[in-house]
PDB file of N, CA and C in Angstrom:
ATOM      1  N   MET A   1       0.847  -1.182   0.000  1.00  0.00           N
ATOM      2  CA  MET A   1       0.000   0.000   0.000  1.00  0.00           C
ATOM      3  C   MET A   1       0.890   1.242   0.000  1.00  0.00           C
ATOM      4  N   GLN A   2       0.577   2.166  -0.869  1.00  0.00           N
ATOM      5  CA  GLN A   2       1.294   3.440  -0.889  1.00  0.00           C
ATOM      6  C   GLN A   2       0.832   4.293   0.291  1.00  0.00           C
ATOM      7  N   ARG A   3       1.743   5.123   0.783  1.00  0.00           N
ATOM      8  CA  ARG A   3       1.395   6.049   1.875  1.00  0.00           C
ATOM      9  C   ARG A   3       1.729   7.462   1.414  1.00  0.00           C
ATOM     10  N   TRP A   4       0.704   8.303   1.399  1.00  0.00           N
ATOM     11  CA  TRP A   4       0.872   9.696   0.989  1.00  0.00           C
ATOM     12  C   TRP A   4       0.609  10.595   2.178  1.00  0.00           C
ATOM     13  N   HIS A   5       1.278  11.746   2.225  1.00  0.00           N
ATOM     14  CA  HIS A   5       1.053  12.754   3.262  1.00  0.00           C
ATOM     15  C   HIS A   5       0.467  14.010   2.631  1.00  0.00           C
ATOM     16  N   ILE A   6      -0.519  14.577   3.293  1.00  0.00           N
ATOM     17  CA  ILE A   6      -1.050  15.876   2.892  1.00  0.00           C
ATOM     18  C   ILE A   6      -0.637  16.863   3.978  1.00  0.00           C
ATOM     19  N   HIS A   7       0.188  17.827   3.626  1.00  0.00           N
ATOM     20  CA  HIS A   7       0.627  18.868   4.547  1.00  0.00           C
ATOM     21  C   HIS A   7      -0.241  20.094   4.292  1.00  0.00           C
ATOM     22  N   GLY A   8      -0.934  20.556   5.311  1.00  0.00           N
ATOM     23  CA  GLY A   8      -1.838  21.677   5.101  1.00  0.00           C
ATOM     24  C   GLY A   8      -1.772  22.739   6.160  1.00  0.00           C
ATOM     25  N   ASP A   9      -2.373  23.854   5.842  1.00  0.00           N
ATOM     26  CA  ASP A   9      -2.469  24.997   6.732  1.00  0.00           C
ATOM     27  C   ASP A   9      -3.214  24.616   8.008  1.00  0.00           C
ATOM     28  N   ASN A  10      -4.295  23.897   7.832  1.00  0.00           N
ATOM     29  CA  ASN A  10      -5.098  23.415   8.959  1.00  0.00           C
ATOM     30  C   ASN A  10      -5.809  22.151   8.506  1.00  0.00           C
ATOM     31  N   ILE A  11      -6.518  21.521   9.410  1.00  0.00           N
ATOM     32  CA  ILE A  11      -7.137  20.234   9.097  1.00  0.00           C
ATOM     33  C   ILE A  11      -8.225  20.369   8.038  1.00  0.00           C
ATOM     34  N   ILE A  12      -8.871  21.524   7.966  1.00  0.00           N
ATOM     35  CA  ILE A  12      -9.901  21.746   6.949  1.00  0.00           C
ATOM     36  C   ILE A  12      -9.277  21.734   5.552  1.00  0.00           C
ATOM     37  N   GLU A  13      -8.145  22.405   5.397  1.00  0.00           N
ATOM     38  CA  GLU A  13      -7.464  22.414   4.101  1.00  0.00           C
ATOM     39  C   GLU A  13      -6.987  21.017   3.730  1.00  0.00           C
ATOM     40  N   CYS A  14      -6.516  20.245   4.707  1.00  0.00           N
ATOM     41  CA  CYS A  14      -6.111  18.857   4.441  1.00  0.00           C
ATOM     42  C   CYS A  14      -7.305  18.039   3.971  1.00  0.00           C
ATOM     43  N   ASP A  15      -8.450  18.238   4.607  1.00  0.00           N
ATOM     44  CA  ASP A  15      -9.656  17.507   4.242  1.00  0.00           C
ATOM     45  C   ASP A  15     -10.099  17.856   2.817  1.00  0.00           C
ATOM     46  N   ARG A  16      -9.992  19.116   2.464  1.00  0.00           N
ATOM     47  CA  ARG A  16     -10.343  19.528   1.099  1.00  0.00           C
ATOM     48  C   ARG A  16      -9.412  18.886   0.071  1.00  0.00           C
ATOM     49  N   ALA A  17      -8.132  18.855   0.386  1.00  0.00           N
ATOM     50  CA  ALA A  17      -7.168  18.224  -0.523  1.00  0.00           C
ATOM     51  C   ALA A  17      -7.456  16.728  -0.645  1.00  0.00           C
ATOM     52  N   LEU A  18      -7.794  16.081   0.468  1.00  0.00           N
ATOM     53  CA  LEU A  18      -8.141  14.659   0.445  1.00  0.00           C
ATOM     54  C   LEU A  18      -9.335  14.412  -0.468  1.00  0.00           C
ATOM     55  N   ALA A  19     -10.358  15.246  -0.358  1.00  0.00           N
ATOM     56  CA  ALA A  19     -11.550  15.097  -1.200  1.00  0.00           C
ATOM     57  C   ALA A  19     -11.201  15.253  -2.683  1.00  0.00           C
ATOM     58  N   LEU A  20     -10.336  16.208  -3.002  1.00  0.00           N
ATOM     59  CA  LEU A  20      -9.934  16.409  -4.405  1.00  0.00           C
ATOM     60  C   LEU A  20      -9.156  15.209  -4.942  1.00  0.00           C
ATOM     61  N   VAL A  21      -8.249  14.668  -4.126  1.00  0.00           N
ATOM     62  CA  VAL A  21      -7.467  13.505  -4.544  1.00  0.00           C
ATOM     63  C   VAL A  21      -8.393  12.309  -4.771  1.00  0.00           C
ATOM     64  N   ALA A  22      -9.297  12.073  -3.823  1.00  0.00           N
ATOM     65  CA  ALA A  22     -10.228  10.946  -3.940  1.00  0.00           C
ATOM     66  C   ALA A  22     -11.103  11.083  -5.182  1.00  0.00           C
ATOM     67  N   GLN A  23     -11.574  12.287  -5.440  1.00  0.00           N
ATOM     68  CA  GLN A  23     -12.411  12.530  -6.611  1.00  0.00           C
ATOM     69  C   GLN A  23     -11.612  12.314  -7.905  1.00  0.00           C
ATOM     70  N   ALA A  24     -10.397  12.835  -7.938  1.00  0.00           N
ATOM     71  CA  ALA A  24      -9.570  12.712  -9.137  1.00  0.00           C
ATOM     72  C   ALA A  24      -9.228  11.255  -9.444  1.00  0.00           C
ATOM     73  N   LEU A  25      -8.994  10.479  -8.396  1.00  0.00           N
ATOM     74  CA  LEU A  25      -8.633   9.076  -8.577  1.00  0.00           C
ATOM     75  C   LEU A  25      -9.851   8.154  -8.621  1.00  0.00           C
ATOM     76  N   ARG A  26     -11.024   8.734  -8.389  1.00  0.00           N
ATOM     77  CA  ARG A  26     -12.276   7.961  -8.357  1.00  0.00           C
ATOM     78  C   ARG A  26     -12.187   6.810  -7.363  1.00  0.00           C
ATOM     79  N   MET A  27     -11.823   7.172  -6.126  1.00  0.00           N
ATOM     80  CA  MET A  27     -11.682   6.195  -5.055  1.00  0.00           C
ATOM     81  C   MET A  27     -12.537   6.633  -3.870  1.00  0.00           C
ATOM     82  N   ASP A  28     -12.955   5.654  -3.061  1.00  0.00           N
ATOM     83  CA  ASP A  28     -13.734   5.929  -1.854  1.00  0.00           C
ATOM     84  C   ASP A  28     -12.791   6.194  -0.687  1.00  0.00           C
ATOM     85  N   VAL A  29     -13.208   7.064   0.229  1.00  0.00           N
ATOM     86  CA  VAL A  29     -12.418   7.422   1.402  1.00  0.00           C
ATOM     87  C   VAL A  29     -12.968   6.691   2.620  1.00  0.00           C
ATOM     88  N   GLU A  30     -12.083   6.002   3.349  1.00  0.00           N
ATOM     89  CA  GLU A  30     -12.464   5.332   4.587  1.00  0.00           C
ATOM     90  C   GLU A  30     -11.530   5.795   5.700  1.00  0.00           C
ATOM     91  N   PRO A  31     -12.077   6.296   6.822  1.00  0.00           N
ATOM     92  CA  PRO A  31     -11.212   6.690   7.935  1.00  0.00           C
ATOM     93  C   PRO A  31     -10.576   5.465   8.581  1.00  0.00           C
ATOM     94  N   THR A  32      -9.404   5.638   9.134  1.00  0.00           N
ATOM     95  CA  THR A  32      -8.724   4.565   9.859  1.00  0.00           C
ATOM     96  C   THR A  32      -8.416   5.051  11.271  1.00  0.00           C
ATOM     97  N   PRO A  33      -8.221   4.146  12.221  1.00  0.00           N
ATOM     98  CA  PRO A  33      -7.854   4.580  13.576  1.00  0.00           C
ATOM     99  C   PRO A  33      -6.551   5.386  13.529  1.00  0.00           C
ATOM    100  N   SER A  34      -6.586   6.592  14.090  1.00  0.00           N
ATOM    101  CA  SER A  34      -5.413   7.470  14.042  1.00  0.00           C
ATOM    102  C   SER A  34      -5.529   8.549  15.104  1.00  0.00           C
ATOM    103  N   ALA A  35      -4.436   9.265  15.290  1.00  0.00           N
ATOM    104  CA  ALA A  35      -4.412  10.373  16.247  1.00  0.00           C
ATOM    105  C   ALA A  35      -5.266  11.515  15.719  1.00  0.00           C
ATOM    106  N   PRO A  36      -5.975  12.236  16.595  1.00  0.00           N
ATOM    107  CA  PRO A  36      -6.817  13.334  16.125  1.00  0.00           C
ATOM    108  C   PRO A  36      -6.041  14.470  15.466  1.00  0.00           C
ATOM    109  N   TYR A  37      -4.778  14.632  15.811  1.00  0.00           N
ATOM    110  CA  TYR A  37      -3.976  15.704  15.224  1.00  0.00           C
ATOM    111  C   TYR A  37      -3.352  15.293  13.885  1.00  0.00           C
ATOM    112  N   ALA A  38      -3.453  14.009  13.512  1.00  0.00           N
ATOM    113  CA  ALA A  38      -2.937  13.537  12.226  1.00  0.00           C
ATOM    114  C   ALA A  38      -3.857  12.428  11.698  1.00  0.00           C
ATOM    115  N   PRO A  39      -5.084  12.794  11.341  1.00  0.00           N
ATOM    116  CA  PRO A  39      -6.020  11.767  10.891  1.00  0.00           C
ATOM    117  C   PRO A  39      -5.540  11.062   9.629  1.00  0.00           C
ATOM    118  N   SER A  40      -5.829   9.773   9.568  1.00  0.00           N
ATOM    119  CA  SER A  40      -5.445   9.017   8.380  1.00  0.00           C
ATOM    120  C   SER A  40      -6.665   8.353   7.760  1.00  0.00           C
ATOM    121  N   PHE A  41      -6.543   8.085   6.481  1.00  0.00           N
ATOM    122  CA  PHE A  41      -7.634   7.532   5.685  1.00  0.00           C
ATOM    123  C   PHE A  41      -7.055   6.539   4.694  1.00  0.00           C
ATOM    124  N   VAL A  42      -7.897   5.677   4.182  1.00  0.00           N
ATOM    125  CA  VAL A  42      -7.509   4.778   3.096  1.00  0.00           C
ATOM    126  C   VAL A  42      -8.411   5.064   1.914  1.00  0.00           C
ATOM    127  N   LEU A  43      -7.798   5.228   0.750  1.00  0.00           N
ATOM    128  CA  LEU A  43      -8.553   5.377  -0.488  1.00  0.00           C
ATOM    129  C   LEU A  43      -8.659   3.990  -1.107  1.00  0.00           C
ATOM    130  N   ARG A  44      -9.881   3.589  -1.462  1.00  0.00           N
ATOM    131  CA  ARG A  44     -10.114   2.255  -2.005  1.00  0.00           C
ATOM    132  C   ARG A  44     -10.958   2.319  -3.275  1.00  0.00           C
ATOM    133  N   ALA A  45     -10.627   1.432  -4.184  1.00  0.00           N
ATOM    134  CA  ALA A  45     -11.426   1.208  -5.393  1.00  0.00           C
ATOM    135  C   ALA A  45     -11.169  -0.230  -5.820  1.00  0.00           C
ATOM    136  N   SER A  46     -12.199  -0.914  -6.257  1.00  0.00           N
ATOM    137  CA  SER A  46     -12.047  -2.318  -6.619  1.00  0.00           C
ATOM    138  C   SER A  46     -11.044  -2.472  -7.759  1.00  0.00           C
ATOM    139  N   GLY A  47     -10.203  -3.483  -7.620  1.00  0.00           N
ATOM    140  CA  GLY A  47      -9.217  -3.770  -8.653  1.00  0.00           C
ATOM    141  C   GLY A  47      -8.012  -2.859  -8.660  1.00  0.00           C
ATOM    142  N   ARG A  48      -7.894  -1.984  -7.666  1.00  0.00           N
ATOM    143  CA  ARG A  48      -6.757  -1.064  -7.608  1.00  0.00           C
ATOM    144  C   ARG A  48      -6.115  -1.131  -6.231  1.00  0.00           C
ATOM    145  N   PRO A  49      -4.822  -0.860  -6.142  1.00  0.00           N
ATOM    146  CA  PRO A  49      -4.168  -0.879  -4.831  1.00  0.00           C
ATOM    147  C   PRO A  49      -4.678   0.248  -3.938  1.00  0.00           C
ATOM    148  N   ASP A  50      -4.769  -0.035  -2.641  1.00  0.00           N
ATOM    149  CA  ASP A  50      -5.180   0.977  -1.668  1.00  0.00           C
ATOM    150  C   ASP A  50      -4.079   2.024  -1.497  1.00  0.00           C
ATOM    151  N   ILE A  51      -4.501   3.225  -1.105  1.00  0.00           N
ATOM    152  CA  ILE A  51      -3.564   4.310  -0.803  1.00  0.00           C
ATOM    153  C   ILE A  51      -3.908   4.836   0.581  1.00  0.00           C
ATOM    154  N   GLU A  52      -2.920   4.842   1.478  1.00  0.00           N
ATOM    155  CA  GLU A  52      -3.123   5.433   2.797  1.00  0.00           C
ATOM    156  C   GLU A  52      -2.757   6.910   2.720  1.00  0.00           C
ATOM    157  N   ILE A  53      -3.626   7.749   3.264  1.00  0.00           N
ATOM    158  CA  ILE A  53      -3.393   9.197   3.286  1.00  0.00           C
ATOM    159  C   ILE A  53      -3.331   9.651   4.732  1.00  0.00           C
ATOM    160  N   VAL A  54      -2.274  10.370   5.098  1.00  0.00           N
ATOM    161  CA  VAL A  54      -2.148  10.939   6.437  1.00  0.00           C
ATOM    162  C   VAL A  54      -2.178  12.460   6.309  1.00  0.00           C
ATOM    163  N   SER A  55      -3.075  13.092   7.059  1.00  0.00           N
ATOM    164  CA  SER A  55      -3.200  14.556   7.035  1.00  0.00           C
ATOM    165  C   SER A  55      -2.340  15.153   8.141  1.00  0.00           C
ATOM    166  N   LEU A  56      -1.471  16.061   7.771  1.00  0.00           N
ATOM    167  CA  LEU A  56      -0.572  16.718   8.723  1.00  0.00           C
ATOM    168  C   LEU A  56      -0.842  18.218   8.692  1.00  0.00           C
ATOM    169  N   ALA A  57      -1.669  18.655   9.598  1.00  0.00           N
ATOM    170  CA  ALA A  57      -2.032  20.076   9.658  1.00  0.00           C
ATOM    171  C   ALA A  57      -1.024  20.845  10.500  1.00  0.00           C
ATOM    172  N   GLY A  58      -0.948  22.137  10.267  1.00  0.00           N
ATOM    173  CA  GLY A  58      -0.069  22.985  11.064  1.00  0.00           C
ATOM    174  C   GLY A  58       1.071  23.528  10.256  1.00  0.00           C
ATOM    175  N   TYR A  59       0.740  24.281   9.255  1.00  0.00           N
ATOM    176  CA  TYR A  59       1.707  24.866   8.344  1.00  0.00           C
ATOM    177  C   TYR A  59       2.854  25.525   9.098  1.00  0.00           C
ATOM    178  N   GLY A  60       4.083  25.189   8.737  1.00  0.00           N
ATOM    179  CA  GLY A  60       5.244  25.817   9.352  1.00  0.00           C
ATOM    180  C   GLY A  60       5.697  25.168  10.656  1.00  0.00           C
ATOM    181  N   ARG A  61       5.109  24.062  11.043  1.00  0.00           N
ATOM    182  CA  ARG A  61       5.495  23.415  12.306  1.00  0.00           C
ATOM    183  C   ARG A  61       6.580  22.368  12.146  1.00  0.00           C
ATOM    184  N   TRP A  62       6.958  22.063  10.917  1.00  0.00           N
ATOM    185  CA  TRP A  62       7.960  21.037  10.693  1.00  0.00           C
ATOM    186  C   TRP A  62       9.316  21.680  10.470  1.00  0.00           C
ATOM    187  N   GLY A  63      10.366  20.886  10.612  1.00  0.00           N
ATOM    188  CA  GLY A  63      11.723  21.376  10.409  1.00  0.00           C
ATOM    189  C   GLY A  63      11.979  21.828   8.983  1.00  0.00           C
ATOM    190  N   ASP A  64      11.280  21.243   8.025  1.00  0.00           N
ATOM    191  CA  ASP A  64      11.451  21.629   6.619  1.00  0.00           C
ATOM    192  C   ASP A  64      10.453  22.713   6.261  1.00  0.00           C
ATOM    193  N   ASP A  65      10.900  23.682   5.513  1.00  0.00           N
ATOM    194  CA  ASP A  65      10.011  24.738   5.033  1.00  0.00           C
ATOM    195  C   ASP A  65       9.504  24.320   3.659  1.00  0.00           C
ATOM    196  N   ILE A  66       8.323  23.735   3.622  1.00  0.00           N
ATOM    197  CA  ILE A  66       7.790  23.176   2.383  1.00  0.00           C
ATOM    198  C   ILE A  66       7.695  24.225   1.282  1.00  0.00           C
ATOM    199  N   PRO A  67       7.146  25.414   1.528  1.00  0.00           N
ATOM    200  CA  PRO A  67       7.079  26.401   0.437  1.00  0.00           C
ATOM    201  C   PRO A  67       8.449  26.816  -0.086  1.00  0.00           C
ATOM    202  N   ALA A  68       9.484  26.744   0.755  1.00  0.00           N
ATOM    203  CA  ALA A  68      10.822  27.141   0.309  1.00  0.00           C
ATOM    204  C   ALA A  68      11.283  26.287  -0.862  1.00  0.00           C
ATOM    205  N   VAL A  69      10.828  25.041  -0.910  1.00  0.00           N
ATOM    206  CA  VAL A  69      11.187  24.168  -2.020  1.00  0.00           C
ATOM    207  C   VAL A  69      10.719  24.781  -3.336  1.00  0.00           C
ATOM    208  N   PHE A  70       9.556  25.420  -3.323  1.00  0.00           N
ATOM    209  CA  PHE A  70       8.998  25.992  -4.534  1.00  0.00           C
ATOM    210  C   PHE A  70       9.591  27.352  -4.877  1.00  0.00           C
ATOM    211  N   TYR A  71      10.325  27.943  -3.963  1.00  0.00           N
ATOM    212  CA  TYR A  71      10.915  29.261  -4.207  1.00  0.00           C
ATOM    213  C   TYR A  71      12.385  29.176  -4.582  1.00  0.00           C
ATOM    214  N   ARG A  72      12.863  27.996  -4.924  1.00  0.00           N
ATOM    215  CA  ARG A  72      14.245  27.854  -5.379  1.00  0.00           C
ATOM    216  C   ARG A  72      14.419  28.597  -6.703  1.00  0.00           C
ATOM    217  N   PRO A  73      15.653  28.829  -7.086  1.00  0.00           N
ATOM    218  CA  PRO A  73      15.888  29.528  -8.362  1.00  0.00           C
ATOM    219  C   PRO A  73      15.193  28.839  -9.537  1.00  0.00           C
ATOM    220  N   ARG A  74      14.788  29.614 -10.497  1.00  0.00           N
ATOM    221  CA  ARG A  74      14.038  29.109 -11.651  1.00  0.00           C
ATOM    222  C   ARG A  74      14.665  27.930 -12.383  1.00  0.00           C
ATOM    223  N   PRO A  75      15.988  27.879 -12.563  1.00  0.00           N
ATOM    224  CA  PRO A  75      16.524  26.734 -13.312  1.00  0.00           C
ATOM    225  C   PRO A  75      16.158  25.376 -12.697  1.00  0.00           C
ATOM    226  N   LEU A  76      15.915  25.331 -11.386  1.00  0.00           N
ATOM    227  CA  LEU A  76      15.591  24.054 -10.749  1.00  0.00           C
ATOM    228  C   LEU A  76      14.146  23.641 -11.004  1.00  0.00           C
ATOM    229  N   LEU A  77      13.209  24.572 -10.945  1.00  0.00           N
ATOM    230  CA  LEU A  77      11.803  24.210 -11.048  1.00  0.00           C
ATOM    231  C   LEU A  77      11.078  24.869 -12.219  1.00  0.00           C
ATOM    232  N   GLY A  78      11.696  25.780 -12.904  1.00  0.00           N
ATOM    233  CA  GLY A  78      11.089  26.326 -14.097  1.00  0.00           C
ATOM    234  C   GLY A  78      10.311  27.613 -13.935  1.00  0.00           C
ATOM    235  N   SER A  79       9.751  27.889 -12.761  1.00  0.00           N
ATOM    236  CA  SER A  79       9.002  29.134 -12.591  1.00  0.00           C
ATOM    237  C   SER A  79       8.827  29.441 -11.114  1.00  0.00           C
ATOM    238  N   GLU A  80       8.354  30.648 -10.842  1.00  0.00           N
ATOM    239  CA  GLU A  80       8.088  31.066  -9.476  1.00  0.00           C
ATOM    240  C   GLU A  80       6.612  30.874  -9.155  1.00  0.00           C
ATOM    241  N   LEU A  81       6.327  30.682  -7.885  1.00  0.00           N
ATOM    242  CA  LEU A  81       4.947  30.701  -7.433  1.00  0.00           C
ATOM    243  C   LEU A  81       4.674  32.067  -6.829  1.00  0.00           C
ATOM    244  N   LYS A  82       3.607  32.684  -7.217  1.00  0.00           N
ATOM    245  CA  LYS A  82       3.255  34.000  -6.688  1.00  0.00           C
ATOM    246  C   LYS A  82       2.372  33.885  -5.451  1.00  0.00           C
ATOM    247  N   VAL A  83       1.623  32.782  -5.327  1.00  0.00           N
ATOM    248  CA  VAL A  83       0.727  32.569  -4.195  1.00  0.00           C
ATOM    249  C   VAL A  83       0.985  31.176  -3.655  1.00  0.00           C
ATOM    250  N   ARG A  84       1.068  31.035  -2.349  1.00  0.00           N
ATOM    251  CA  ARG A  84       1.285  29.724  -1.747  1.00  0.00           C
ATOM    252  C   ARG A  84      -0.028  28.957  -1.677  1.00  0.00           C
ATOM    253  N   GLY A  85       0.057  27.668  -1.866  1.00  0.00           N
ATOM    254  CA  GLY A  85      -1.112  26.814  -1.733  1.00  0.00           C
ATOM    255  C   GLY A  85      -1.453  26.586  -0.281  1.00  0.00           C
ATOM    256  N   LYS A  86      -2.669  26.233  -0.019  1.00  0.00           N
ATOM    257  CA  LYS A  86      -3.114  25.951   1.345  1.00  0.00           C
ATOM    258  C   LYS A  86      -2.740  24.558   1.789  1.00  0.00           C
ATOM    259  N   SER A  87      -2.544  23.632   0.856  1.00  0.00           N
ATOM    260  CA  SER A  87      -2.130  22.276   1.206  1.00  0.00           C
ATOM    261  C   SER A  87      -1.336  21.689   0.049  1.00  0.00           C
ATOM    262  N   LEU A  88      -0.456  20.768   0.377  1.00  0.00           N
ATOM    263  CA  LEU A  88       0.400  20.126  -0.629  1.00  0.00           C
ATOM    264  C   LEU A  88       0.223  18.640  -0.533  1.00  0.00           C
TER     265      LEU A  88
END
Protein backbone atom coordinates (compact mmCIF):
# COMPACT_ATOMS: atom_id res chain seq x y z
CA MET A 1 0.00 0.00 0.00
CA GLN A 2 1.29 3.44 -0.89
CA ARG A 3 1.40 6.05 1.87
CA TRP A 4 0.87 9.70 0.99
CA HIS A 5 1.05 12.75 3.26
CA ILE A 6 -1.05 15.88 2.89
CA HIS A 7 0.63 18.87 4.55
CA GLY A 8 -1.84 21.68 5.10
CA ASP A 9 -2.47 25.00 6.73
CA ASN A 10 -5.10 23.41 8.96
CA ILE A 11 -7.14 20.23 9.10
CA ILE A 12 -9.90 21.75 6.95
CA GLU A 13 -7.46 22.41 4.10
CA CYS A 14 -6.11 18.86 4.44
CA ASP A 15 -9.66 17.51 4.24
CA ARG A 16 -10.34 19.53 1.10
CA ALA A 17 -7.17 18.22 -0.52
CA LEU A 18 -8.14 14.66 0.44
CA ALA A 19 -11.55 15.10 -1.20
CA LEU A 20 -9.93 16.41 -4.40
CA VAL A 21 -7.47 13.50 -4.54
CA ALA A 22 -10.23 10.95 -3.94
CA GLN A 23 -12.41 12.53 -6.61
CA ALA A 24 -9.57 12.71 -9.14
CA LEU A 25 -8.63 9.08 -8.58
CA ARG A 26 -12.28 7.96 -8.36
CA MET A 27 -11.68 6.20 -5.05
CA ASP A 28 -13.73 5.93 -1.85
CA VAL A 29 -12.42 7.42 1.40
CA GLU A 30 -12.46 5.33 4.59
CA PRO A 31 -11.21 6.69 7.94
CA THR A 32 -8.72 4.56 9.86
CA PRO A 33 -7.85 4.58 13.58
CA SER A 34 -5.41 7.47 14.04
CA ALA A 35 -4.41 10.37 16.25
CA PRO A 36 -6.82 13.33 16.13
CA TYR A 37 -3.98 15.70 15.22
CA ALA A 38 -2.94 13.54 12.23
CA PRO A 39 -6.02 11.77 10.89
CA SER A 40 -5.45 9.02 8.38
CA PHE A 41 -7.63 7.53 5.69
CA VAL A 42 -7.51 4.78 3.10
CA LEU A 43 -8.55 5.38 -0.49
CA ARG A 44 -10.11 2.26 -2.01
CA ALA A 45 -11.43 1.21 -5.39
CA SER A 46 -12.05 -2.32 -6.62
CA GLY A 47 -9.22 -3.77 -8.65
CA ARG A 48 -6.76 -1.06 -7.61
CA PRO A 49 -4.17 -0.88 -4.83
CA ASP A 50 -5.18 0.98 -1.67
CA ILE A 51 -3.56 4.31 -0.80
CA GLU A 52 -3.12 5.43 2.80
CA ILE A 53 -3.39 9.20 3.29
CA VAL A 54 -2.15 10.94 6.44
CA SER A 55 -3.20 14.56 7.03
CA LEU A 56 -0.57 16.72 8.72
CA ALA A 57 -2.03 20.08 9.66
CA GLY A 58 -0.07 22.99 11.06
CA TYR A 59 1.71 24.87 8.34
CA GLY A 60 5.24 25.82 9.35
CA ARG A 61 5.50 23.42 12.31
CA TRP A 62 7.96 21.04 10.69
CA GLY A 63 11.72 21.38 10.41
CA ASP A 64 11.45 21.63 6.62
CA ASP A 65 10.01 24.74 5.03
CA ILE A 66 7.79 23.18 2.38
CA PRO A 67 7.08 26.40 0.44
CA ALA A 68 10.82 27.14 0.31
CA VAL A 69 11.19 24.17 -2.02
CA PHE A 70 9.00 25.99 -4.53
CA TYR A 71 10.92 29.26 -4.21
CA ARG A 72 14.24 27.85 -5.38
CA PRO A 73 15.89 29.53 -8.36
CA ARG A 74 14.04 29.11 -11.65
CA PRO A 75 16.52 26.73 -13.31
CA LEU A 76 15.59 24.05 -10.75
CA LEU A 77 11.80 24.21 -11.05
CA GLY A 78 11.09 26.33 -14.10
CA SER A 79 9.00 29.13 -12.59
CA GLU A 80 8.09 31.07 -9.48
CA LEU A 81 4.95 30.70 -7.43
CA LYS A 82 3.26 34.00 -6.69
CA VAL A 83 0.73 32.57 -4.19
CA ARG A 84 1.29 29.72 -1.75
CA GLY A 85 -1.11 26.81 -1.73
CA LYS A 86 -3.11 25.95 1.35
CA SER A 87 -2.13 22.28 1.21
CA LEU A 88 0.40 20.13 -0.63
